[in-house]
Amino acid sequence: MSTEISEISDWQINGIITAANDLRNGGTSTASTSQHIAGAFVLNRMDLLPSGYSDVIEAWDRLDDWQPYVRLIKQKYMHLVG
């Protein structure tokens, strides 16, 4: 994890960015289900959703309180993804 990522105080944001980078680099992630789903949304890669979440709306609804973190990452932290 880069120093820049570790300086972000929200563990949710760190986890999602890490999951997105794992998914981008290897197509898999050991993150929680919510972090994995959020990482797929950050990448705009619905093909990387966990098995059992083939419906995009169901996956988005599963995020519930995590949805704002996806939006925040896409607005401010995409330079840390990839």
Protein backbone atom coordinates (compact mmCIF):
# COMPACT_ATOMS: atom_id res chain seq x y z
CA MET A 1 0.00 0.00 0.00
CA SER A 2 1.42 3.35 -0.96
CA THR A 3 2.10 6.04 1.64
CA GLU A 4 -0.51 8.23 -0.01
CA ILE A 5 -3.20 5.58 0.51
CA SER A 6 -2.21 5.00 4.14
CA GLU A 7 -2.59 8.73 4.83
CA ILE A 8 -6.32 8.53 4.07
CA SER A 9 -8.03 8.20 7.43
CA ASP A 10 -11.10 6.21 6.41
CA TRP A 11 -10.41 2.49 6.53
CA GLN A 12 -13.33 1.94 4.16
CA ILE A 13 -11.70 4.07 1.46
CA ASN A 14 -8.35 2.34 1.95
CA GLY A 15 -10.00 -1.07 1.72
CA ILE A 16 -11.90 -0.21 -1.45
CA ILE A 17 -8.82 1.24 -3.15
CA THR A 18 -6.80 -1.85 -2.19
CA ALA A 19 -9.57 -4.13 -3.47
CA ALA A 20 -9.82 -2.16 -6.73
CA ASN A 21 -6.05 -2.42 -7.24
CA ASP A 22 -6.10 -6.16 -6.49
CA LEU A 23 -8.97 -6.65 -8.94
CA ARG A 24 -7.25 -4.58 -11.62
CA ASN A 25 -3.94 -6.41 -11.20
CA GLY A 26 -5.17 -9.97 -10.83
CA GLY A 27 -8.93 -10.15 -11.26
CA THR A 28 -9.41 -11.34 -7.69
CA SER A 29 -9.41 -9.88 -4.22
CA THR A 30 -9.31 -11.23 -0.68
CA ALA A 31 -11.22 -8.16 0.53
CA SER A 32 -14.63 -8.30 2.16
CA THR A 33 -17.61 -8.73 -0.12
CA SER A 34 -18.54 -5.05 0.22
CA GLN A 35 -14.99 -3.92 -0.58
CA HIS A 36 -14.85 -6.30 -3.55
CA ILE A 37 -18.15 -5.01 -4.95
CA ALA A 38 -17.11 -1.40 -4.35
CA GLY A 39 -13.77 -2.05 -6.07
CA ALA A 40 -15.56 -3.40 -9.13
CA PHE A 41 -17.73 -0.27 -9.24
CA VAL A 42 -14.69 2.00 -8.86
CA LEU A 43 -13.18 0.25 -11.87
CA ASN A 44 -16.47 0.21 -13.82
CA ARG A 45 -15.88 -3.52 -14.24
CA MET A 46 -19.07 -5.40 -13.50
CA ASP A 47 -17.38 -8.55 -14.78
CA LEU A 48 -15.26 -8.40 -11.60
CA LEU A 49 -18.21 -8.55 -9.19
CA PRO A 50 -18.11 -11.52 -6.80
CA SER A 51 -19.94 -14.63 -7.93
CA GLY A 52 -23.58 -14.40 -6.99
CA TYR A 53 -23.76 -10.70 -7.81
CA SER A 54 -24.39 -10.74 -11.54
CA ASP A 55 -27.18 -8.17 -11.22
CA VAL A 56 -25.70 -4.65 -11.06
CA ILE A 57 -28.59 -3.17 -9.07
CA GLU A 58 -28.44 -5.97 -6.50
CA ALA A 59 -24.69 -5.42 -6.14
CA TRP A 60 -25.10 -1.63 -5.79
CA ASP A 61 -27.87 -2.10 -3.21
CA ARG A 62 -25.61 -4.50 -1.28
CA LEU A 63 -23.18 -1.60 -0.73
CA ASP A 64 -25.79 0.48 1.12
CA ASP A 65 -23.69 2.76 3.40
CA TRP A 66 -20.58 2.17 1.26
CA GLN A 67 -22.03 3.86 -1.83
CA PRO A 68 -20.76 7.33 -0.83
CA TYR A 69 -17.23 5.93 -0.54
CA VAL A 70 -17.37 4.70 -4.14
CA ARG A 71 -18.48 8.14 -5.27
CA LEU A 72 -15.76 9.85 -3.22
CA ILE A 73 -13.03 7.60 -4.62
CA LYS A 74 -14.22 8.24 -8.17
CA GLN A 75 -14.18 12.00 -7.52
CA LYS A 76 -10.97 12.41 -5.53
CA TYR A 77 -8.83 9.26 -5.37
CA MET A 78 -8.75 7.62 -8.81
CA HIS A 79 -5.09 8.58 -9.07
CA LEU A 80 -4.48 5.89 -6.41
CA VAL A 81 -6.20 3.18 -8.45
CA GLY A 82 -4.11 1.39 -10.97
